[in-house]
């Protein structure tokens, strides 16, 4: 039951947003500036999605390796944290570049 609630809420929100467009008198064309910002934030969303997927995969593989060989936890944990920090820095750079442009 609880898994259906976010889907239903998302559908209701989408229906409310689309219905306001249906009753509009006319549509104004999207300006170049607005299109630029939409594309920047779409690129930011892709960067964040890719970063989180990579971090999740890296953490899962590292924890699987530690579970198989607990003695190697020190050798696995340090490179994993370094890799996670580098992945997070790429997402932060994407965020900063989006707001600077």
PDB file of N, CA and C in Angstrom:
ATOM      1  N   UNK A   1       0.815  -1.190   0.000  1.00  0.00           N
ATOM      2  CA  UNK A   1       0.000   0.000   0.000  1.00  0.00           C
ATOM      3  C   UNK A   1       0.858   1.253   0.000  1.00  0.00           C
ATOM      4  N   UNK A   2       1.937   1.236   0.788  1.00  0.00           N
ATOM      5  CA  UNK A   2       2.751   2.448   0.911  1.00  0.00           C
ATOM      6  C   UNK A   2       3.528   2.751  -0.365  1.00  0.00           C
ATOM      7  N   UNK A   3       3.764   1.752  -1.200  1.00  0.00           N
ATOM      8  CA  UNK A   3       4.470   1.998  -2.457  1.00  0.00           C
ATOM      9  C   UNK A   3       3.567   2.677  -3.483  1.00  0.00           C
ATOM     10  N   UNK A   4       2.278   2.530  -3.339  1.00  0.00           N
ATOM     11  CA  UNK A   4       1.344   3.126  -4.290  1.00  0.00           C
ATOM     12  C   UNK A   4       1.126   4.610  -4.026  1.00  0.00           C
ATOM     13  N   UNK A   5       1.336   5.049  -2.804  1.00  0.00           N
ATOM     14  CA  UNK A   5       1.045   6.440  -2.445  1.00  0.00           C
ATOM     15  C   UNK A   5       1.909   7.427  -3.220  1.00  0.00           C
ATOM     16  N   UNK A   6       3.248   7.253  -3.311  1.00  0.00           N
ATOM     17  CA  UNK A   6       4.030   8.226  -4.098  1.00  0.00           C
ATOM     18  C   UNK A   6       3.650   8.246  -5.573  1.00  0.00           C
ATOM     19  N   UNK A   7       3.293   7.107  -6.119  1.00  0.00           N
ATOM     20  CA  UNK A   7       2.895   7.055  -7.526  1.00  0.00           C
ATOM     21  C   UNK A   7       1.585   7.807  -7.728  1.00  0.00           C
ATOM     22  N   UNK A   8       0.654   7.612  -6.832  1.00  0.00           N
ATOM     23  CA  UNK A   8      -0.630   8.309  -6.937  1.00  0.00           C
ATOM     24  C   UNK A   8      -0.440   9.809  -6.767  1.00  0.00           C
ATOM     25  N   UNK A   9       0.388  10.218  -5.795  1.00  0.00           N
ATOM     26  CA  UNK A   9       0.637  11.642  -5.590  1.00  0.00           C
ATOM     27  C   UNK A   9       1.338  12.269  -6.790  1.00  0.00           C
ATOM     28  N   UNK A  10       2.269  11.550  -7.389  1.00  0.00           N
ATOM     29  CA  UNK A  10       2.947  12.067  -8.576  1.00  0.00           C
ATOM     30  C   UNK A  10       1.968  12.212  -9.737  1.00  0.00           C
ATOM     31  N   UNK A  11       1.070  11.262  -9.887  1.00  0.00           N
ATOM     32  CA  UNK A  11       0.068  11.346 -10.948  1.00  0.00           C
ATOM     33  C   UNK A  11      -0.870  12.529 -10.730  1.00  0.00           C
ATOM     34  N   UNK A  12      -1.288  12.738  -9.489  1.00  0.00           N
ATOM     35  CA  UNK A  12      -2.173  13.873  -9.193  1.00  0.00           C
ATOM     36  C   UNK A  12      -1.461  15.190  -9.461  1.00  0.00           C
ATOM     37  N   UNK A  13      -0.196  15.297  -9.050  1.00  0.00           N
ATOM     38  CA  UNK A  13       0.572  16.517  -9.292  1.00  0.00           C
ATOM     39  C   UNK A  13       0.729  16.772 -10.786  1.00  0.00           C
ATOM     40  N   UNK A  14       1.021  15.729 -11.539  1.00  0.00           N
ATOM     41  CA  UNK A  14       1.150  15.866 -12.988  1.00  0.00           C
ATOM     42  C   UNK A  14      -0.170  16.309 -13.615  1.00  0.00           C
ATOM     43  N   UNK A  15      -1.269  15.719 -13.168  1.00  0.00           N
ATOM     44  CA  UNK A  15      -2.579  16.088 -13.712  1.00  0.00           C
ATOM     45  C   UNK A  15      -2.916  17.542 -13.403  1.00  0.00           C
ATOM     46  N   UNK A  16      -2.570  18.006 -12.214  1.00  0.00           N
ATOM     47  CA  UNK A  16      -2.834  19.403 -11.870  1.00  0.00           C
ATOM     48  C   UNK A  16      -1.993  20.354 -12.709  1.00  0.00           C
ATOM     49  N   UNK A  17      -0.747  19.994 -12.947  1.00  0.00           N
ATOM     50  CA  UNK A  17       0.114  20.852 -13.751  1.00  0.00           C
ATOM     51  C   UNK A  17      -0.327  20.897 -15.209  1.00  0.00           C
ATOM     52  N   UNK A  18      -0.758  19.775 -15.743  1.00  0.00           N
ATOM     53  CA  UNK A  18      -1.171  19.720 -17.141  1.00  0.00           C
ATOM     54  C   UNK A  18      -2.528  20.389 -17.334  1.00  0.00           C
ATOM     55  N   UNK A  19      -3.414  20.272 -16.360  1.00  0.00           N
ATOM     56  CA  UNK A  19      -4.745  20.856 -16.527  1.00  0.00           C
ATOM     57  C   UNK A  19      -4.695  22.375 -16.589  1.00  0.00           C
ATOM     58  N   UNK A  20      -3.760  22.997 -15.902  1.00  0.00           N
ATOM     59  CA  UNK A  20      -3.659  24.455 -15.991  1.00  0.00           C
ATOM     60  C   UNK A  20      -3.214  24.882 -17.387  1.00  0.00           C
ATOM     61  N   UNK A  21      -2.421  24.085 -18.054  1.00  0.00           N
ATOM     62  CA  UNK A  21      -2.005  24.387 -19.420  1.00  0.00           C
ATOM     63  C   UNK A  21      -3.152  24.200 -20.405  1.00  0.00           C
ATOM     64  N   UNK A  22      -4.053  23.290 -20.110  1.00  0.00           N
ATOM     65  CA  UNK A  22      -5.146  23.014 -21.034  1.00  0.00           C
ATOM     66  C   UNK A  22      -6.129  24.175 -21.122  1.00  0.00           C
ATOM     67  N   UNK A  23      -6.301  24.908 -20.043  1.00  0.00           N
ATOM     68  CA  UNK A  23      -7.262  26.003 -20.025  1.00  0.00           C
ATOM     69  C   UNK A  23      -6.628  27.358 -20.312  1.00  0.00           C
ATOM     70  N   UNK A  24      -5.380  27.388 -20.680  1.00  0.00           N
ATOM     71  CA  UNK A  24      -4.713  28.653 -20.986  1.00  0.00           C
ATOM     72  C   UNK A  24      -5.218  29.186 -22.322  1.00  0.00           C
ATOM     73  N   UNK A  25      -5.258  30.502 -22.460  1.00  0.00           N
ATOM     74  CA  UNK A  25      -5.745  31.129 -23.685  1.00  0.00           C
ATOM     75  C   UNK A  25      -4.769  30.938 -24.839  1.00  0.00           C
ATOM     76  N   UNK A  26      -3.529  31.118 -24.570  1.00  0.00           N
ATOM     77  CA  UNK A  26      -2.518  30.963 -25.609  1.00  0.00           C
ATOM     78  C   UNK A  26      -1.195  30.620 -24.957  1.00  0.00           C
ATOM     79  N   UNK A  27      -0.328  30.088 -25.731  1.00  0.00           N
ATOM     80  CA  UNK A  27       0.955  29.722 -25.143  1.00  0.00           C
ATOM     81  C   UNK A  27       2.034  30.655 -25.668  1.00  0.00           C
ATOM     82  N   UNK A  28       2.810  31.163 -24.763  1.00  0.00           N
ATOM     83  CA  UNK A  28       3.924  32.024 -25.140  1.00  0.00           C
ATOM     84  C   UNK A  28       5.117  31.138 -25.464  1.00  0.00           C
ATOM     85  N   UNK A  29       5.855  31.472 -26.492  1.00  0.00           N
ATOM     86  CA  UNK A  29       7.028  30.653 -26.808  1.00  0.00           C
ATOM     87  C   UNK A  29       8.081  30.776 -25.712  1.00  0.00           C
ATOM     88  N   UNK A  30       8.816  29.713 -25.528  1.00  0.00           N
ATOM     89  CA  UNK A  30       9.850  29.714 -24.504  1.00  0.00           C
ATOM     90  C   UNK A  30      11.021  30.566 -24.982  1.00  0.00           C
ATOM     91  N   UNK A  31      11.458  31.455 -24.141  1.00  0.00           N
ATOM     92  CA  UNK A  31      12.558  32.334 -24.527  1.00  0.00           C
ATOM     93  C   UNK A  31      13.869  31.560 -24.533  1.00  0.00           C
ATOM     94  N   UNK A  32      14.871  32.142 -25.159  1.00  0.00           N
ATOM     95  CA  UNK A  32      16.173  31.485 -25.234  1.00  0.00           C
ATOM     96  C   UNK A  32      16.804  31.350 -23.857  1.00  0.00           C
ATOM     97  N   UNK A  33      16.595  32.339 -23.017  1.00  0.00           N
ATOM     98  CA  UNK A  33      17.169  32.294 -21.671  1.00  0.00           C
ATOM     99  C   UNK A  33      16.527  31.178 -20.859  1.00  0.00           C
ATOM    100  N   UNK A  34      15.221  31.049 -20.958  1.00  0.00           N
ATOM    101  CA  UNK A  34      14.527  29.994 -20.225  1.00  0.00           C
ATOM    102  C   UNK A  34      14.953  28.622 -20.726  1.00  0.00           C
ATOM    103  N   UNK A  35      15.094  28.481 -22.025  1.00  0.00           N
ATOM    104  CA  UNK A  35      15.534  27.209 -22.586  1.00  0.00           C
ATOM    105  C   UNK A  35      16.947  26.876 -22.135  1.00  0.00           C
ATOM    106  N   UNK A  36      17.795  27.887 -22.030  1.00  0.00           N
ATOM    107  CA  UNK A  36      19.163  27.675 -21.566  1.00  0.00           C
ATOM    108  C   UNK A  36      19.162  27.157 -20.129  1.00  0.00           C
ATOM    109  N   UNK A  37      18.350  27.776 -19.267  1.00  0.00           N
ATOM    110  CA  UNK A  37      18.312  27.347 -17.876  1.00  0.00           C
ATOM    111  C   UNK A  37      17.703  25.960 -17.723  1.00  0.00           C
ATOM    112  N   UNK A  38      16.707  25.664 -18.514  1.00  0.00           N
ATOM    113  CA  UNK A  38      16.115  24.330 -18.461  1.00  0.00           C
ATOM    114  C   UNK A  38      17.148  23.283 -18.855  1.00  0.00           C
ATOM    115  N   UNK A  39      17.919  23.564 -19.898  1.00  0.00           N
ATOM    116  CA  UNK A  39      18.933  22.599 -20.327  1.00  0.00           C
ATOM    117  C   UNK A  39      20.048  22.469 -19.298  1.00  0.00           C
ATOM    118  N   UNK A  40      20.411  23.570 -18.637  1.00  0.00           N
ATOM    119  CA  UNK A  40      21.442  23.490 -17.593  1.00  0.00           C
ATOM    120  C   UNK A  40      20.980  22.626 -16.428  1.00  0.00           C
ATOM    121  N   UNK A  41      19.757  22.839 -15.991  1.00  0.00           N
ATOM    122  CA  UNK A  41      19.280  22.063 -14.855  1.00  0.00           C
ATOM    123  C   UNK A  41      18.992  20.612 -15.238  1.00  0.00           C
ATOM    124  N   UNK A  42      18.652  20.361 -16.487  1.00  0.00           N
ATOM    125  CA  UNK A  42      18.517  18.981 -16.945  1.00  0.00           C
ATOM    126  C   UNK A  42      19.875  18.289 -16.929  1.00  0.00           C
ATOM    127  N   UNK A  43      20.916  18.993 -17.371  1.00  0.00           N
ATOM    128  CA  UNK A  43      22.266  18.433 -17.331  1.00  0.00           C
ATOM    129  C   UNK A  43      22.712  18.200 -15.895  1.00  0.00           C
ATOM    130  N   UNK A  44      22.350  19.104 -15.001  1.00  0.00           N
ATOM    131  CA  UNK A  44      22.674  18.919 -13.589  1.00  0.00           C
ATOM    132  C   UNK A  44      21.977  17.680 -13.042  1.00  0.00           C
ATOM    133  N   UNK A  45      20.733  17.480 -13.419  1.00  0.00           N
ATOM    134  CA  UNK A  45      20.015  16.292 -12.980  1.00  0.00           C
ATOM    135  C   UNK A  45      20.658  15.012 -13.476  1.00  0.00           C
ATOM    136  N   UNK A  46      21.121  15.025 -14.716  1.00  0.00           N
ATOM    137  CA  UNK A  46      21.821  13.847 -15.236  1.00  0.00           C
ATOM    138  C   UNK A  46      23.128  13.604 -14.489  1.00  0.00           C
ATOM    139  N   UNK A  47      23.856  14.672 -14.176  1.00  0.00           N
ATOM    140  CA  UNK A  47      25.115  14.525 -13.441  1.00  0.00           C
ATOM    141  C   UNK A  47      24.866  13.974 -12.040  1.00  0.00           C
ATOM    142  N   UNK A  48      23.836  14.465 -11.398  1.00  0.00           N
ATOM    143  CA  UNK A  48      23.515  13.986 -10.052  1.00  0.00           C
ATOM    144  C   UNK A  48      23.075  12.527 -10.101  1.00  0.00           C
ATOM    145  N   UNK A  49      22.265  12.183 -11.091  1.00  0.00           N
ATOM    146  CA  UNK A  49      21.818  10.793 -11.216  1.00  0.00           C
ATOM    147  C   UNK A  49      23.004   9.862 -11.466  1.00  0.00           C
ATOM    148  N   UNK A  50      23.873  10.252 -12.384  1.00  0.00           N
ATOM    149  CA  UNK A  50      25.041   9.421 -12.664  1.00  0.00           C
ATOM    150  C   UNK A  50      25.959   9.304 -11.465  1.00  0.00           C
ATOM    151  N   UNK A  51      26.143  10.404 -10.750  1.00  0.00           N
ATOM    152  CA  UNK A  51      27.002  10.376  -9.566  1.00  0.00           C
ATOM    153  C   UNK A  51      26.451   9.489  -8.468  1.00  0.00           C
ATOM    154  N   UNK A  52      25.156   9.574  -8.232  1.00  0.00           N
ATOM    155  CA  UNK A  52      24.577   8.750  -7.176  1.00  0.00           C
ATOM    156  C   UNK A  52      24.571   7.274  -7.554  1.00  0.00           C
ATOM    157  N   UNK A  53      24.343   6.979  -8.825  1.00  0.00           N
ATOM    158  CA  UNK A  53      24.395   5.582  -9.244  1.00  0.00           C
ATOM    159  C   UNK A  53      25.806   5.017  -9.106  1.00  0.00           C
ATOM    160  N   UNK A  54      26.807   5.819  -9.478  1.00  0.00           N
ATOM    161  CA  UNK A  54      28.192   5.367  -9.359  1.00  0.00           C
ATOM    162  C   UNK A  54      28.585   5.187  -7.899  1.00  0.00           C
ATOM    163  N   UNK A  55      28.151   6.101  -7.037  1.00  0.00           N
ATOM    164  CA  UNK A  55      28.465   5.975  -5.616  1.00  0.00           C
ATOM    165  C   UNK A  55      27.793   4.746  -5.014  1.00  0.00           C
ATOM    166  N   UNK A  56      26.571   4.496  -5.398  1.00  0.00           N
ATOM    167  CA  UNK A  56      25.867   3.332  -4.873  1.00  0.00           C
ATOM    168  C   UNK A  56      26.541   2.041  -5.311  1.00  0.00           C
ATOM    169  N   UNK A  57      26.952   1.983  -6.566  1.00  0.00           N
ATOM    170  CA  UNK A  57      27.623   0.781  -7.066  1.00  0.00           C
ATOM    171  C   UNK A  57      28.976   0.587  -6.383  1.00  0.00           C
ATOM    172  N   UNK A  58      29.734   1.682  -6.204  1.00  0.00           N
ATOM    173  CA  UNK A  58      31.042   1.582  -5.554  1.00  0.00           C
ATOM    174  C   UNK A  58      30.900   1.120  -4.111  1.00  0.00           C
ATOM    175  N   UNK A  59      29.937   1.660  -3.399  1.00  0.00           N
ATOM    176  CA  UNK A  59      29.735   1.260  -2.007  1.00  0.00           C
ATOM    177  C   UNK A  59      29.277  -0.191  -1.917  1.00  0.00           C
ATOM    178  N   UNK A  60      28.406  -0.603  -2.823  1.00  0.00           N
ATOM    179  CA  UNK A  60      27.915  -1.980  -2.798  1.00  0.00           C
ATOM    180  C   UNK A  60      29.034  -2.974  -3.066  1.00  0.00           C
ATOM    181  N   UNK A  61      29.870  -2.669  -4.045  1.00  0.00           N
ATOM    182  CA  UNK A  61      30.971  -3.579  -4.378  1.00  0.00           C
ATOM    183  C   UNK A  61      31.995  -3.617  -3.248  1.00  0.00           C
ATOM    184  N   UNK A  62      32.283  -2.459  -2.658  1.00  0.00           N
ATOM    185  CA  UNK A  62      33.247  -2.423  -1.555  1.00  0.00           C
ATOM    186  C   UNK A  62      32.724  -3.192  -0.345  1.00  0.00           C
ATOM    187  N   UNK A  63      31.466  -3.017  -0.018  1.00  0.00           N
ATOM    188  CA  UNK A  63      30.909  -3.746   1.123  1.00  0.00           C
ATOM    189  C   UNK A  63      30.829  -5.242   0.847  1.00  0.00           C
ATOM    190  N   UNK A  64      30.600  -5.602  -0.400  1.00  0.00           N
ATOM    191  CA  UNK A  64      30.602  -7.027  -0.748  1.00  0.00           C
ATOM    192  C   UNK A  64      32.001  -7.614  -0.581  1.00  0.00           C
ATOM    193  N   UNK A  65      33.012  -6.841  -0.987  1.00  0.00           N
ATOM    194  CA  UNK A  65      34.390  -7.300  -0.810  1.00  0.00           C
ATOM    195  C   UNK A  65      34.773  -7.419   0.652  1.00  0.00           C
ATOM    196  N   UNK A  66      34.318  -6.479   1.469  1.00  0.00           N
ATOM    197  CA  UNK A  66      34.606  -6.551   2.905  1.00  0.00           C
ATOM    198  C   UNK A  66      33.870  -7.730   3.534  1.00  0.00           C
ATOM    199  N   UNK A  67      32.665  -8.020   3.072  1.00  0.00           N
ATOM    200  CA  UNK A  67      31.907  -9.147   3.611  1.00  0.00           C
ATOM    201  C   UNK A  67      32.571 -10.470   3.263  1.00  0.00           C
ATOM    202  N   UNK A  68      33.181 -10.546   2.097  1.00  0.00           N
ATOM    203  CA  UNK A  68      33.860 -11.787   1.706  1.00  0.00           C
ATOM    204  C   UNK A  68      35.182 -11.968   2.434  1.00  0.00           C
ATOM    205  N   UNK A  69      35.880 -10.852   2.676  1.00  0.00           N
ATOM    206  CA  UNK A  69      37.183 -10.924   3.330  1.00  0.00           C
ATOM    207  C   UNK A  69      37.295  -9.775   4.333  1.00  0.00           C
ATOM    208  N   UNK A  70      36.846  -9.986   5.562  1.00  0.00           N
ATOM    209  CA  UNK A  70      36.871  -8.901   6.546  1.00  0.00           C
ATOM    210  C   UNK A  70      38.279  -8.401   6.875  1.00  0.00           C
ATOM    211  N   UNK A  71      39.292  -9.208   6.655  1.00  0.00           N
ATOM    212  CA  UNK A  71      40.662  -8.776   6.945  1.00  0.00           C
ATOM    213  C   UNK A  71      41.125  -7.696   5.972  1.00  0.00           C
ATOM    214  N   UNK A  72      40.510  -7.606   4.815  1.00  0.00           N
ATOM    215  CA  UNK A  72      40.908  -6.619   3.809  1.00  0.00           C
ATOM    216  C   UNK A  72      40.109  -5.322   3.914  1.00  0.00           C
ATOM    217  N   UNK A  73      39.416  -5.129   5.017  1.00  0.00           N
ATOM    218  CA  UNK A  73      38.565  -3.945   5.159  1.00  0.00           C
ATOM    219  C   UNK A  73      39.374  -2.657   5.091  1.00  0.00           C
ATOM    220  N   UNK A  74      40.559  -2.638   5.711  1.00  0.00           N
ATOM    221  CA  UNK A  74      41.375  -1.417   5.685  1.00  0.00           C
ATOM    222  C   UNK A  74      41.869  -1.107   4.280  1.00  0.00           C
ATOM    223  N   UNK A  75      42.198  -2.145   3.517  1.00  0.00           N
ATOM    224  CA  UNK A  75      42.703  -1.935   2.156  1.00  0.00           C
ATOM    225  C   UNK A  75      41.584  -1.549   1.191  1.00  0.00           C
ATOM    226  N   UNK A  76      40.367  -1.896   1.498  1.00  0.00           N
ATOM    227  CA  UNK A  76      39.237  -1.588   0.616  1.00  0.00           C
ATOM    228  C   UNK A  76      38.610  -0.244   0.971  1.00  0.00           C
ATOM    229  N   UNK A  77      38.542   0.061   2.265  1.00  0.00           N
ATOM    230  CA  UNK A  77      37.797   1.237   2.708  1.00  0.00           C
ATOM    231  C   UNK A  77      38.435   2.548   2.257  1.00  0.00           C
ATOM    232  N   UNK A  78      39.754   2.655   2.326  1.00  0.00           N
ATOM    233  CA  UNK A  78      40.414   3.917   1.959  1.00  0.00           C
ATOM    234  C   UNK A  78      40.234   4.258   0.477  1.00  0.00           C
ATOM    235  N   UNK A  79      40.509   3.334  -0.459  1.00  0.00           N
ATOM    236  CA  UNK A  79      40.258   3.683  -1.868  1.00  0.00           C
ATOM    237  C   UNK A  79      38.779   3.936  -2.175  1.00  0.00           C
ATOM    238  N   UNK A  80      37.882   3.250  -1.450  1.00  0.00           N
ATOM    239  CA  UNK A  80      36.459   3.483  -1.676  1.00  0.00           C
ATOM    240  C   UNK A  80      36.078   4.903  -1.267  1.00  0.00           C
ATOM    241  N   UNK A  81      36.559   5.353  -0.114  1.00  0.00           N
ATOM    242  CA  UNK A  81      36.233   6.707   0.338  1.00  0.00           C
ATOM    243  C   UNK A  81      36.839   7.734  -0.601  1.00  0.00           C
ATOM    244  N   UNK A  82      38.050   7.494  -1.077  1.00  0.00           N
ATOM    245  CA  UNK A  82      38.675   8.406  -2.032  1.00  0.00           C
ATOM    246  C   UNK A  82      37.862   8.466  -3.331  1.00  0.00           C
ATOM    247  N   UNK A  83      37.435   7.322  -3.822  1.00  0.00           N
ATOM    248  CA  UNK A  83      36.612   7.291  -5.034  1.00  0.00           C
ATOM    249  C   UNK A  83      35.270   7.979  -4.842  1.00  0.00           C
ATOM    250  N   UNK A  84      34.645   7.771  -3.678  1.00  0.00           N
ATOM    251  CA  UNK A  84      33.375   8.444  -3.401  1.00  0.00           C
ATOM    252  C   UNK A  84      33.555   9.952  -3.336  1.00  0.00           C
ATOM    253  N   UNK A  85      34.667  10.398  -2.762  1.00  0.00           N
ATOM    254  CA  UNK A  85      34.925  11.842  -2.691  1.00  0.00           C
ATOM    255  C   UNK A  85      35.116  12.427  -4.087  1.00  0.00           C
ATOM    256  N   UNK A  86      35.813  11.712  -4.961  1.00  0.00           N
ATOM    257  CA  UNK A  86      36.011  12.210  -6.324  1.00  0.00           C
ATOM    258  C   UNK A  86      34.697  12.236  -7.103  1.00  0.00           C
ATOM    259  N   UNK A  87      33.861  11.217  -6.917  1.00  0.00           N
ATOM    260  CA  UNK A  87      32.560  11.209  -7.592  1.00  0.00           C
ATOM    261  C   UNK A  87      31.687  12.356  -7.099  1.00  0.00           C
ATOM    262  N   UNK A  88      31.716  12.604  -5.797  1.00  0.00           N
ATOM    263  CA  UNK A  88      30.913  13.692  -5.240  1.00  0.00           C
ATOM    264  C   UNK A  88      31.425  15.045  -5.714  1.00  0.00           C
ATOM    265  N   UNK A  89      32.737  15.164  -5.883  1.00  0.00           N
ATOM    266  CA  UNK A  89      33.283  16.445  -6.356  1.00  0.00           C
ATOM    267  C   UNK A  89      32.829  16.738  -7.787  1.00  0.00           C
ATOM    268  N   UNK A  90      32.693  15.716  -8.611  1.00  0.00           N
ATOM    269  CA  UNK A  90      32.189  15.944  -9.966  1.00  0.00           C
ATOM    270  C   UNK A  90      30.754  16.460  -9.951  1.00  0.00           C
ATOM    271  N   UNK A  91      29.940  15.932  -9.055  1.00  0.00           N
ATOM    272  CA  UNK A  91      28.562  16.409  -8.945  1.00  0.00           C
ATOM    273  C   UNK A  91      28.541  17.849  -8.439  1.00  0.00           C
ATOM    274  N   UNK A  92      29.413  18.167  -7.487  1.00  0.00           N
ATOM    275  CA  UNK A  92      29.474  19.539  -6.969  1.00  0.00           C
ATOM    276  C   UNK A  92      29.961  20.494  -8.049  1.00  0.00           C
ATOM    277  N   UNK A  93      30.935  20.073  -8.860  1.00  0.00           N
ATOM    278  CA  UNK A  93      31.398  20.918  -9.970  1.00  0.00           C
ATOM    279  C   UNK A  93      30.269  21.168 -10.967  1.00  0.00           C
ATOM    280  N   UNK A  94      29.454  20.156 -11.228  1.00  0.00           N
ATOM    281  CA  UNK A  94      28.310  20.344 -12.130  1.00  0.00           C
ATOM    282  C   UNK A  94      27.317  21.337 -11.538  1.00  0.00           C
ATOM    283  N   UNK A  95      27.090  21.254 -10.231  1.00  0.00           N
ATOM    284  CA  UNK A  95      26.188  22.198  -9.572  1.00  0.00           C
ATOM    285  C   UNK A  95      26.722  23.622  -9.654  1.00  0.00           C
ATOM    286  N   UNK A  96      28.001  23.799  -9.383  1.00  0.00           N
ATOM    287  CA  UNK A  96      28.600  25.135  -9.421  1.00  0.00           C
ATOM    288  C   UNK A  96      28.573  25.691 -10.839  1.00  0.00           C
ATOM    289  N   UNK A  97      28.910  24.867 -11.821  1.00  0.00           N
ATOM    290  CA  UNK A  97      28.926  25.361 -13.200  1.00  0.00           C
ATOM    291  C   UNK A  97      27.524  25.715 -13.685  1.00  0.00           C
ATOM    292  N   UNK A  98      26.510  25.022 -13.174  1.00  0.00           N
ATOM    293  CA  UNK A  98      25.142  25.359 -13.552  1.00  0.00           C
ATOM    294  C   UNK A  98      24.754  26.737 -13.039  1.00  0.00           C
ATOM    295  N   UNK A  99      25.144  27.062 -11.826  1.00  0.00           N
ATOM    296  CA  UNK A  99      24.779  28.358 -11.263  1.00  0.00           C
ATOM    297  C   UNK A  99      25.671  29.485 -11.753  1.00  0.00           C
ATOM    298  N   UNK A 100      26.858  29.182 -12.251  1.00  0.00           N
ATOM    299  CA  UNK A 100      27.743  30.231 -12.742  1.00  0.00           C
ATOM    300  C   UNK A 100      27.414  30.665 -14.163  1.00  0.00           C
ATOM    301  N   UNK A 101      26.802  29.802 -14.933  1.00  0.00           N
ATOM    302  CA  UNK A 101      26.523  30.131 -16.334  1.00  0.00           C
ATOM    303  C   UNK A 101      25.251  30.916 -16.463  1.00  0.00           C
TER     304      UNK A 101
END
